[in-house]
Amino acid sequence: MPRARRPAASCPLDPLCEEPLYAQIAARLADDISSGHLAPGMQVPSEARLMAAYGVSRVTVRQAVQLLARGGQVVARRGKGTFVARPALEQDLGRLQGFHDALRSQGLEPQTQLLEFSESAGRIDRSLPEGLDLPVRLLRRYALDGRPFAVVEAFLLAEAAEVGERRARDLTVYDILQQFLGLRIAAADVVIRCARTTARIARELAVDPRGNILIMERTSRTAAGRPCEFMRIHIVPEGYAFRLGLPGPLEIARAVHPVRRTETA
């Protein structure tokens, strides 16, 4: 993992400045972040290094880091240190694309691990919506900088069993459907909700099972209207956003009528 460069001790703080010392330190770290010297995912210098570089107390350093954390520029990881926050990952709901492709379009190449590939688990999985005949189930974990942020649970057509576990490690769900099975995805229904997750997913994401996470459910269909995939993506909510552009004017505007003034005697 990339390490941060040592702070510039040649630029001393100004004790006579109206701006508090912790704010001056935070401003210099913010400059390093904006200039790219401290890149996303890089570890911020430790408290001891910042104390030595600027000749301040531990309390002052912690105030500076907390100021950056409140602004979303850094994130603290218990037992590991403080790291420069990544820009929010986005899923454009206006485009029909796979989860992996959405990440790649932002210049990211996440680490993935296939946790499960079953040819028949979908037949007995009660979480699969009723009426969907999608027996093949796979589970894949996504991580950035070694930190898990999503688990994808996908249910596919019986024909997808032929892809096998070895090839499923390297193929995305849409690759399996379009390249391996030759299907054309024509439409998808998407539902996003906030809910508690299962103990297994919480363990894979290293999150508190009592807390809530984002869950995106997607049902993909062929041009003939045949459901060919149901996907449930469990996402750590910090740093992830969904985006959708809508044409105007708002539909509600059509139901608005001008208020008529009534005359009184």
C-alpha atoms as a PDB file:
ATOM      1  CA  MET A   1       0.000   0.000   0.000  1.00  0.00           C
ATOM      2  CA  PRO A   2       1.400   3.461  -0.846  1.00  0.00           C
ATOM      3  CA  ARG A   3       2.847   5.395   2.059  1.00  0.00           C
ATOM      4  CA  ALA A   4       2.657   9.126   2.573  1.00  0.00           C
ATOM      5  CA  ARG A   5       5.648  11.348   2.088  1.00  0.00           C
ATOM      6  CA  ARG A   6       7.058  13.171   5.121  1.00  0.00           C
ATOM      7  CA  PRO A   7       5.411  16.577   5.812  1.00  0.00           C
ATOM      8  CA  ALA A   8       7.441  19.593   4.795  1.00  0.00           C
ATOM      9  CA  ALA A   9       9.096  20.707   8.062  1.00  0.00           C
ATOM     10  CA  SER A  10      10.727  23.538   6.120  1.00  0.00           C
ATOM     11  CA  CYS A  11       7.386  25.377   6.169  1.00  0.00           C
ATOM     12  CA  PRO A  12       6.832  26.185   9.862  1.00  0.00           C
ATOM     13  CA  LEU A  13       3.433  27.100  11.226  1.00  0.00           C
ATOM     14  CA  ASP A  14       2.626  30.710  12.050  1.00  0.00           C
ATOM     15  CA  PRO A  15       1.819  30.989  15.777  1.00  0.00           C
ATOM     16  CA  LEU A  16       0.738  34.633  15.326  1.00  0.00           C
ATOM     17  CA  CYS A  17      -1.819  33.820  12.657  1.00  0.00           C
ATOM     18  CA  GLU A  18      -5.494  34.105  13.625  1.00  0.00           C
ATOM     19  CA  GLU A  19      -6.037  30.641  12.201  1.00  0.00           C
ATOM     20  CA  PRO A  20      -5.499  27.939  14.872  1.00  0.00           C
ATOM     21  CA  LEU A  21      -2.473  25.662  14.518  1.00  0.00           C
ATOM     22  CA  TYR A  22      -4.626  22.599  13.895  1.00  0.00           C
ATOM     23  CA  ALA A  23      -6.410  24.406  11.057  1.00  0.00           C
ATOM     24  CA  GLN A  24      -3.051  25.354   9.502  1.00  0.00           C
ATOM     25  CA  ILE A  25      -1.949  21.715   9.603  1.00  0.00           C
ATOM     26  CA  ALA A  26      -5.263  20.595   8.123  1.00  0.00           C
ATOM     27  CA  ALA A  27      -4.905  23.156   5.317  1.00  0.00           C
ATOM     28  CA  ARG A  28      -1.440  21.879   4.417  1.00  0.00           C
ATOM     29  CA  LEU A  29      -2.597  18.278   4.382  1.00  0.00           C
ATOM     30  CA  ALA A  30      -5.578  19.331   2.263  1.00  0.00           C
ATOM     31  CA  ASP A  31      -3.167  20.990  -0.192  1.00  0.00           C
ATOM     32  CA  ASP A  32      -1.181  17.750  -0.395  1.00  0.00           C
ATOM     33  CA  ILE A  33      -4.395  15.869  -1.140  1.00  0.00           C
ATOM     34  CA  SER A  34      -5.585  18.281  -3.825  1.00  0.00           C
ATOM     35  CA  SER A  35      -2.157  18.351  -5.488  1.00  0.00           C
ATOM     36  CA  GLY A  36      -1.925  14.564  -5.566  1.00  0.00           C
ATOM     37  CA  HIS A  37       1.049  14.267  -3.218  1.00  0.00           C
ATOM     38  CA  LEU A  38      -1.345  12.388  -0.959  1.00  0.00           C
ATOM     39  CA  ALA A  39      -3.291  10.258  -3.427  1.00  0.00           C
ATOM     40  CA  PRO A  40      -6.607   8.484  -2.772  1.00  0.00           C
ATOM     41  CA  GLY A  41      -5.998   5.399  -0.669  1.00  0.00           C
ATOM     42  CA  MET A  42      -2.620   6.629   0.578  1.00  0.00           C
ATOM     43  CA  GLN A  43      -1.932   6.659   4.298  1.00  0.00           C
ATOM     44  CA  VAL A  44      -1.730  10.040   6.002  1.00  0.00           C
ATOM     45  CA  PRO A  45       1.455  10.595   8.078  1.00  0.00           C
ATOM     46  CA  SER A  46       1.128   9.205  11.591  1.00  0.00           C
ATOM     47  CA  GLU A  47       0.420  11.390  14.592  1.00  0.00           C
ATOM     48  CA  ALA A  48       4.041  11.015  15.738  1.00  0.00           C
ATOM     49  CA  ARG A  49       5.393  12.163  12.358  1.00  0.00           C
ATOM     50  CA  LEU A  50       3.068  15.157  12.224  1.00  0.00           C
ATOM     51  CA  MET A  51       3.944  16.101  15.802  1.00  0.00           C
ATOM     52  CA  ALA A  52       7.655  15.975  14.995  1.00  0.00           C
ATOM     53  CA  ALA A  53       7.272  17.800  11.682  1.00  0.00           C
ATOM     54  CA  TYR A  54       5.260  20.721  13.057  1.00  0.00           C
ATOM     55  CA  GLY A  55       6.371  20.778  16.693  1.00  0.00           C
ATOM     56  CA  VAL A  56       2.852  20.524  18.087  1.00  0.00           C
ATOM     57  CA  SER A  57       1.024  18.351  20.599  1.00  0.00           C
ATOM     58  CA  ARG A  58      -0.880  15.166  19.884  1.00  0.00           C
ATOM     59  CA  VAL A  59      -4.145  16.982  20.646  1.00  0.00           C
ATOM     60  CA  THR A  60      -3.414  19.572  17.933  1.00  0.00           C
ATOM     61  CA  VAL A  61      -2.621  16.867  15.381  1.00  0.00           C
ATOM     62  CA  ARG A  62      -5.805  14.974  16.200  1.00  0.00           C
ATOM     63  CA  GLN A  63      -7.861  18.143  15.814  1.00  0.00           C
ATOM     64  CA  ALA A  64      -6.339  18.665  12.357  1.00  0.00           C
ATOM     65  CA  VAL A  65      -7.110  15.123  11.239  1.00  0.00           C
ATOM     66  CA  GLN A  66     -10.634  15.308  12.663  1.00  0.00           C
ATOM     67  CA  LEU A  67     -11.219  18.496  10.686  1.00  0.00           C
ATOM     68  CA  LEU A  68     -10.251  16.703   7.473  1.00  0.00           C
ATOM     69  CA  ALA A  69     -12.384  13.704   8.404  1.00  0.00           C
ATOM     70  CA  ARG A  70     -15.452  15.896   8.920  1.00  0.00           C
ATOM     71  CA  GLY A  71     -14.899  17.281   5.433  1.00  0.00           C
ATOM     72  CA  GLY A  72     -14.741  13.774   3.984  1.00  0.00           C
ATOM     73  CA  GLN A  73     -11.126  14.112   2.823  1.00  0.00           C
ATOM     74  CA  VAL A  74      -9.723  11.344   5.027  1.00  0.00           C
ATOM     75  CA  VAL A  75     -11.067   8.208   6.673  1.00  0.00           C
ATOM     76  CA  ALA A  76      -9.798   6.459   9.802  1.00  0.00           C
ATOM     77  CA  ARG A  77      -9.424   2.680   9.870  1.00  0.00           C
ATOM     78  CA  ARG A  78      -9.186   1.201  13.312  1.00  0.00           C
ATOM     79  CA  GLY A  79      -5.797  -0.348  13.978  1.00  0.00           C
ATOM     80  CA  LYS A  80      -4.406   0.723  10.593  1.00  0.00           C
ATOM     81  CA  GLY A  81      -4.275   4.521  10.525  1.00  0.00           C
ATOM     82  CA  THR A  82      -5.834   7.362   8.562  1.00  0.00           C
ATOM     83  CA  PHE A  83      -6.094   7.286   4.776  1.00  0.00           C
ATOM     84  CA  VAL A  84      -6.988   9.723   2.013  1.00  0.00           C
ATOM     85  CA  ALA A  85     -10.604   9.129   1.046  1.00  0.00           C
ATOM     86  CA  ARG A  86     -11.431   8.003  -2.443  1.00  0.00           C
ATOM     87  CA  PRO A  87     -13.928   9.953  -4.509  1.00  0.00           C
ATOM     88  CA  ALA A  88     -17.401   8.488  -4.129  1.00  0.00           C
ATOM     89  CA  LEU A  89     -17.947   5.470  -6.348  1.00  0.00           C
ATOM     90  CA  GLU A  90     -20.975   5.889  -8.578  1.00  0.00           C
ATOM     91  CA  GLN A  91     -23.479   3.634 -10.267  1.00  0.00           C
ATOM     92  CA  ASP A  92     -25.297   5.351 -13.126  1.00  0.00           C
ATOM     93  CA  LEU A  93     -28.800   3.904 -13.055  1.00  0.00           C
ATOM     94  CA  GLY A  94     -29.534   5.486 -16.417  1.00  0.00           C
ATOM     95  CA  ARG A  95     -27.149   3.069 -18.151  1.00  0.00           C
ATOM     96  CA  LEU A  96     -27.597  -0.665 -18.580  1.00  0.00           C
ATOM     97  CA  GLN A  97     -24.219  -1.930 -17.423  1.00  0.00           C
ATOM     98  CA  GLY A  98     -22.761  -4.459 -15.044  1.00  0.00           C
ATOM     99  CA  PHE A  99     -21.452  -3.609 -11.584  1.00  0.00           C
ATOM    100  CA  HIS A 100     -17.857  -4.359 -12.580  1.00  0.00           C
ATOM    101  CA  ASP A 101     -18.138  -2.298 -15.759  1.00  0.00           C
ATOM    102  CA  ALA A 102     -19.478   0.657 -13.744  1.00  0.00           C
ATOM    103  CA  LEU A 103     -16.324   0.587 -11.639  1.00  0.00           C
ATOM    104  CA  ARG A 104     -14.035   0.245 -14.643  1.00  0.00           C
ATOM    105  CA  SER A 105     -15.678   3.252 -16.293  1.00  0.00           C
ATOM    106  CA  GLN A 106     -14.399   5.299 -13.324  1.00  0.00           C
ATOM    107  CA  GLY A 107     -10.830   4.123 -13.870  1.00  0.00           C
ATOM    108  CA  LEU A 108     -10.955   1.532 -11.084  1.00  0.00           C
ATOM    109  CA  GLU A 109      -9.875  -2.093 -11.240  1.00  0.00           C
ATOM    110  CA  PRO A 110     -11.233  -3.722  -8.081  1.00  0.00           C
ATOM    111  CA  GLN A 111      -9.875  -6.922  -6.613  1.00  0.00           C
ATOM    112  CA  THR A 112     -12.467  -9.702  -6.853  1.00  0.00           C
ATOM    113  CA  GLN A 113     -12.832 -13.100  -5.230  1.00  0.00           C
ATOM    114  CA  LEU A 114     -15.361 -15.749  -6.204  1.00  0.00           C
ATOM    115  CA  LEU A 115     -16.762 -17.007  -2.912  1.00  0.00           C
ATOM    116  CA  GLU A 116     -19.266 -19.493  -4.296  1.00  0.00           C
ATOM    117  CA  PHE A 117     -20.413 -21.076  -7.550  1.00  0.00           C
ATOM    118  CA  SER A 118     -23.386 -23.428  -7.313  1.00  0.00           C
ATOM    119  CA  GLU A 119     -25.334 -25.006 -10.154  1.00  0.00           C
ATOM    120  CA  SER A 120     -28.504 -25.515  -8.102  1.00  0.00           C
ATOM    121  CA  ALA A 121     -28.525 -23.328  -4.961  1.00  0.00           C
ATOM    122  CA  GLY A 122     -31.084 -20.994  -6.548  1.00  0.00           C
ATOM    123  CA  ARG A 123     -33.691 -23.757  -6.466  1.00  0.00           C
ATOM    124  CA  ILE A 124     -33.810 -23.744  -2.672  1.00  0.00           C
ATOM    125  CA  ASP A 125     -32.827 -20.137  -1.915  1.00  0.00           C
ATOM    126  CA  ARG A 126     -35.880 -18.472  -0.399  1.00  0.00           C
ATOM    127  CA  SER A 127     -34.441 -14.996  -1.001  1.00  0.00           C
ATOM    128  CA  LEU A 128     -34.919 -15.407  -4.769  1.00  0.00           C
ATOM    129  CA  PRO A 129     -38.143 -13.634  -5.848  1.00  0.00           C
ATOM    130  CA  GLU A 130     -41.011 -15.966  -6.590  1.00  0.00           C
ATOM    131  CA  GLY A 131     -41.491 -16.950 -10.207  1.00  0.00           C
ATOM    132  CA  LEU A 132     -37.853 -16.695 -11.255  1.00  0.00           C
ATOM    133  CA  ASP A 133     -36.307 -19.916 -12.574  1.00  0.00           C
ATOM    134  CA  LEU A 134     -32.640 -19.062 -11.971  1.00  0.00           C
ATOM    135  CA  PRO A 135     -30.935 -22.040 -10.303  1.00  0.00           C
ATOM    136  CA  VAL A 136     -27.272 -21.064 -10.737  1.00  0.00           C
ATOM    137  CA  ARG A 137     -25.986 -18.935  -7.870  1.00  0.00           C
ATOM    138  CA  LEU A 138     -22.632 -17.227  -7.495  1.00  0.00           C
ATOM    139  CA  LEU A 139     -21.195 -14.981  -4.836  1.00  0.00           C
ATOM    140  CA  ARG A 140     -18.352 -12.550  -5.514  1.00  0.00           C
ATOM    141  CA  ARG A 141     -16.581 -10.093  -3.194  1.00  0.00           C
ATOM    142  CA  TYR A 142     -15.204  -6.752  -4.400  1.00  0.00           C
ATOM    143  CA  ALA A 143     -12.394  -4.822  -2.703  1.00  0.00           C
ATOM    144  CA  LEU A 144     -10.298  -1.704  -3.273  1.00  0.00           C
ATOM    145  CA  ASP A 145      -6.855  -1.408  -1.686  1.00  0.00           C
ATOM    146  CA  GLY A 146      -7.568  -4.701   0.011  1.00  0.00           C
ATOM    147  CA  ARG A 147     -10.686  -3.361   1.719  1.00  0.00           C
ATOM    148  CA  PRO A 148     -13.990  -5.123   0.866  1.00  0.00           C
ATOM    149  CA  PHE A 149     -16.822  -2.801  -0.127  1.00  0.00           C
ATOM    150  CA  ALA A 150     -19.368  -4.997  -1.928  1.00  0.00           C
ATOM    151  CA  VAL A 151     -20.580  -8.567  -2.272  1.00  0.00           C
ATOM    152  CA  VAL A 152     -22.461  -9.497  -5.441  1.00  0.00           C
ATOM    153  CA  GLU A 153     -24.977 -12.326  -5.220  1.00  0.00           C
ATOM    154  CA  ALA A 154     -26.214 -13.386  -8.656  1.00  0.00           C
ATOM    155  CA  PHE A 155     -28.778 -15.962  -9.799  1.00  0.00           C
ATOM    156  CA  LEU A 156     -28.575 -17.127 -13.411  1.00  0.00           C
ATOM    157  CA  LEU A 157     -30.270 -19.433 -15.893  1.00  0.00           C
ATOM    158  CA  ALA A 158     -29.579 -23.168 -15.737  1.00  0.00           C
ATOM    159  CA  GLU A 159     -27.495 -22.910 -18.936  1.00  0.00           C
ATOM    160  CA  ALA A 160     -24.977 -20.763 -17.060  1.00  0.00           C
ATOM    161  CA  ALA A 161     -23.842 -23.852 -15.128  1.00  0.00           C
ATOM    162  CA  GLU A 162     -21.796 -24.811 -18.196  1.00  0.00           C
ATOM    163  CA  VAL A 163     -19.440 -21.891 -17.613  1.00  0.00           C
ATOM    164  CA  GLY A 164     -17.995 -23.703 -14.610  1.00  0.00           C
ATOM    165  CA  GLU A 165     -16.393 -22.325 -11.473  1.00  0.00           C
ATOM    166  CA  ARG A 166     -12.937 -21.788 -12.999  1.00  0.00           C
ATOM    167  CA  ARG A 167     -14.154 -19.527 -15.800  1.00  0.00           C
ATOM    168  CA  ALA A 168     -16.689 -17.818 -13.529  1.00  0.00           C
ATOM    169  CA  ARG A 169     -13.759 -16.430 -11.526  1.00  0.00           C
ATOM    170  CA  ASP A 170     -12.744 -14.257 -14.470  1.00  0.00           C
ATOM    171  CA  LEU A 171     -16.084 -13.465 -16.118  1.00  0.00           C
ATOM    172  CA  THR A 172     -18.538 -10.831 -14.909  1.00  0.00           C
ATOM    173  CA  VAL A 173     -22.215 -11.732 -14.721  1.00  0.00           C
ATOM    174  CA  TYR A 174     -23.040  -9.818 -17.896  1.00  0.00           C
ATOM    175  CA  ASP A 175     -20.048 -11.448 -19.633  1.00  0.00           C
ATOM    176  CA  ILE A 176     -21.520 -14.853 -18.792  1.00  0.00           C
ATOM    177  CA  LEU A 177     -24.933 -13.861 -20.131  1.00  0.00           C
ATOM    178  CA  GLN A 178     -23.854 -11.995 -23.258  1.00  0.00           C
ATOM    179  CA  GLN A 179     -20.552 -13.577 -24.299  1.00  0.00           C
ATOM    180  CA  PHE A 180     -20.915 -17.140 -23.017  1.00  0.00           C
ATOM    181  CA  LEU A 181     -24.672 -17.665 -23.435  1.00  0.00           C
ATOM    182  CA  GLY A 182     -25.132 -15.232 -26.337  1.00  0.00           C
ATOM    183  CA  LEU A 183     -28.045 -13.394 -24.727  1.00  0.00           C
ATOM    184  CA  ARG A 184     -28.786  -9.722 -25.303  1.00  0.00           C
ATOM    185  CA  ILE A 185     -29.837  -7.822 -22.199  1.00  0.00           C
ATOM    186  CA  ALA A 186     -32.615  -5.475 -23.263  1.00  0.00           C
ATOM    187  CA  ALA A 187     -34.024  -4.188 -19.983  1.00  0.00           C
ATOM    188  CA  ALA A 188     -33.544  -4.294 -16.242  1.00  0.00           C
ATOM    189  CA  ASP A 189     -35.596  -3.413 -13.177  1.00  0.00           C
ATOM    190  CA  VAL A 190     -33.635  -1.970 -10.251  1.00  0.00           C
ATOM    191  CA  VAL A 191     -34.624  -1.569  -6.613  1.00  0.00           C
ATOM    192  CA  ILE A 192     -32.371   0.095  -4.003  1.00  0.00           C
ATOM    193  CA  ARG A 193     -33.011  -0.160  -0.290  1.00  0.00           C
ATOM    194  CA  CYS A 194     -31.276   0.141   3.041  1.00  0.00           C
ATOM    195  CA  ALA A 195     -31.472  -2.930   5.269  1.00  0.00           C
ATOM    196  CA  ARG A 196     -29.604  -5.205   7.601  1.00  0.00           C
ATOM    197  CA  THR A 197     -27.600  -7.908   5.954  1.00  0.00           C
ATOM    198  CA  THR A 198     -26.997 -11.574   6.705  1.00  0.00           C
ATOM    199  CA  ALA A 199     -24.302 -12.769   9.073  1.00  0.00           C
ATOM    200  CA  ARG A 200     -22.306 -14.194   6.171  1.00  0.00           C
ATOM    201  CA  ILE A 201     -22.336 -10.995   4.121  1.00  0.00           C
ATOM    202  CA  ALA A 202     -21.465  -8.947   7.210  1.00  0.00           C
ATOM    203  CA  ARG A 203     -18.491 -11.231   7.795  1.00  0.00           C
ATOM    204  CA  GLU A 204     -17.297 -10.945   4.192  1.00  0.00           C
ATOM    205  CA  LEU A 205     -17.564  -7.138   4.307  1.00  0.00           C
ATOM    206  CA  ALA A 206     -16.148  -6.870   7.836  1.00  0.00           C
ATOM    207  CA  VAL A 207     -19.111  -4.759   8.978  1.00  0.00           C
ATOM    208  CA  ASP A 208     -21.302  -4.816  12.059  1.00  0.00           C
ATOM    209  CA  PRO A 209     -24.161  -7.279  11.381  1.00  0.00           C
ATOM    210  CA  ARG A 210     -26.437  -5.033  13.449  1.00  0.00           C
ATOM    211  CA  GLY A 211     -25.885  -2.083  11.130  1.00  0.00           C
ATOM    212  CA  ASN A 212     -27.503  -1.248   7.795  1.00  0.00           C
ATOM    213  CA  ILE A 213     -25.975  -1.445   4.336  1.00  0.00           C
ATOM    214  CA  LEU A 214     -27.132  -0.557   0.832  1.00  0.00           C
ATOM    215  CA  ILE A 215     -28.747  -3.337  -1.165  1.00  0.00           C
ATOM    216  CA  MET A 216     -29.338  -3.011  -4.900  1.00  0.00           C
ATOM    217  CA  GLU A 217     -31.508  -5.663  -6.543  1.00  0.00           C
ATOM    218  CA  ARG A 218     -31.637  -5.980 -10.320  1.00  0.00           C
ATOM    219  CA  THR A 219     -33.671  -8.244 -12.571  1.00  0.00           C
ATOM    220  CA  SER A 220     -32.393  -8.375 -16.164  1.00  0.00           C
ATOM    221  CA  ARG A 221     -34.480  -9.478 -19.129  1.00  0.00           C
ATOM    222  CA  THR A 222     -33.870 -10.407 -22.740  1.00  0.00           C
ATOM    223  CA  ALA A 223     -35.572  -8.663 -25.651  1.00  0.00           C
ATOM    224  CA  ALA A 224     -38.275 -11.347 -25.467  1.00  0.00           C
ATOM    225  CA  GLY A 225     -38.926 -10.417 -21.839  1.00  0.00           C
ATOM    226  CA  ARG A 226     -37.370 -13.560 -20.360  1.00  0.00           C
ATOM    227  CA  PRO A 227     -35.751 -13.015 -16.917  1.00  0.00           C
ATOM    228  CA  CYS A 228     -32.154 -14.178 -17.247  1.00  0.00           C
ATOM    229  CA  GLU A 229     -30.542 -12.748 -14.110  1.00  0.00           C
ATOM    230  CA  PHE A 230     -31.404 -11.618 -10.625  1.00  0.00           C
ATOM    231  CA  MET A 231     -28.612  -9.826  -8.816  1.00  0.00           C
ATOM    232  CA  ARG A 232     -28.434  -8.607  -5.245  1.00  0.00           C
ATOM    233  CA  ILE A 233     -25.482  -6.313  -4.475  1.00  0.00           C
ATOM    234  CA  HIS A 234     -24.619  -5.698  -0.824  1.00  0.00           C
ATOM    235  CA  ILE A 235     -22.680  -2.415  -0.607  1.00  0.00           C
ATOM    236  CA  VAL A 236     -20.905  -0.673   2.259  1.00  0.00           C
ATOM    237  CA  PRO A 237     -22.714   2.708   2.063  1.00  0.00           C
ATOM    238  CA  GLU A 238     -19.780   5.002   2.875  1.00  0.00           C
ATOM    239  CA  GLY A 239     -18.333   6.384  -0.323  1.00  0.00           C
ATOM    240  CA  TYR A 240     -20.880   4.898  -2.747  1.00  0.00           C
ATOM    241  CA  ALA A 241     -23.599   6.761  -4.611  1.00  0.00           C
ATOM    242  CA  PHE A 242     -26.272   6.041  -7.203  1.00  0.00           C
ATOM    243  CA  ARG A 243     -26.954   8.593  -9.922  1.00  0.00           C
ATOM    244  CA  LEU A 244     -29.921   8.978 -12.244  1.00  0.00           C
ATOM    245  CA  GLY A 245     -30.661  11.782 -14.678  1.00  0.00           C
ATOM    246  CA  LEU A 246     -34.324  12.556 -15.308  1.00  0.00           C
ATOM    247  CA  PRO A 247     -35.825  14.718 -18.048  1.00  0.00           C
ATOM    248  CA  GLY A 248     -38.042  17.617 -16.986  1.00  0.00           C
ATOM    249  CA  PRO A 249     -40.421  19.104 -16.303  1.00  0.00           C
ATOM    250  CA  LEU A 250     -41.511  17.123 -13.270  1.00  0.00           C
ATOM    251  CA  GLU A 251     -44.671  15.097 -13.738  1.00  0.00           C
ATOM    252  CA  ILE A 252     -46.175  16.711 -10.662  1.00  0.00           C
ATOM    253  CA  ALA A 253     -46.200  20.064 -12.463  1.00  0.00           C
ATOM    254  CA  ARG A 254     -49.008  18.838 -14.702  1.00  0.00           C
ATOM    255  CA  ALA A 255     -51.290  18.418 -11.702  1.00  0.00           C
ATOM    256  CA  VAL A 256     -50.708  21.894 -10.332  1.00  0.00           C
ATOM    257  CA  HIS A 257     -53.451  24.422 -11.052  1.00  0.00           C
ATOM    258  CA  PRO A 258     -53.377  28.147 -10.317  1.00  0.00           C
ATOM    259  CA  VAL A 259     -55.185  29.169  -7.155  1.00  0.00           C
ATOM    260  CA  ARG A 260     -58.175  31.352  -7.963  1.00  0.00           C
ATOM    261  CA  ARG A 261     -58.716  34.323  -5.725  1.00  0.00           C
ATOM    262  CA  THR A 262     -62.231  34.659  -4.393  1.00  0.00           C
ATOM    263  CA  GLU A 263     -63.910  37.988  -3.814  1.00  0.00           C
ATOM    264  CA  THR A 264     -65.311  38.828  -0.447  1.00  0.00           C
ATOM    265  CA  ALA A 265     -68.086  41.248   0.303  1.00  0.00           C
END
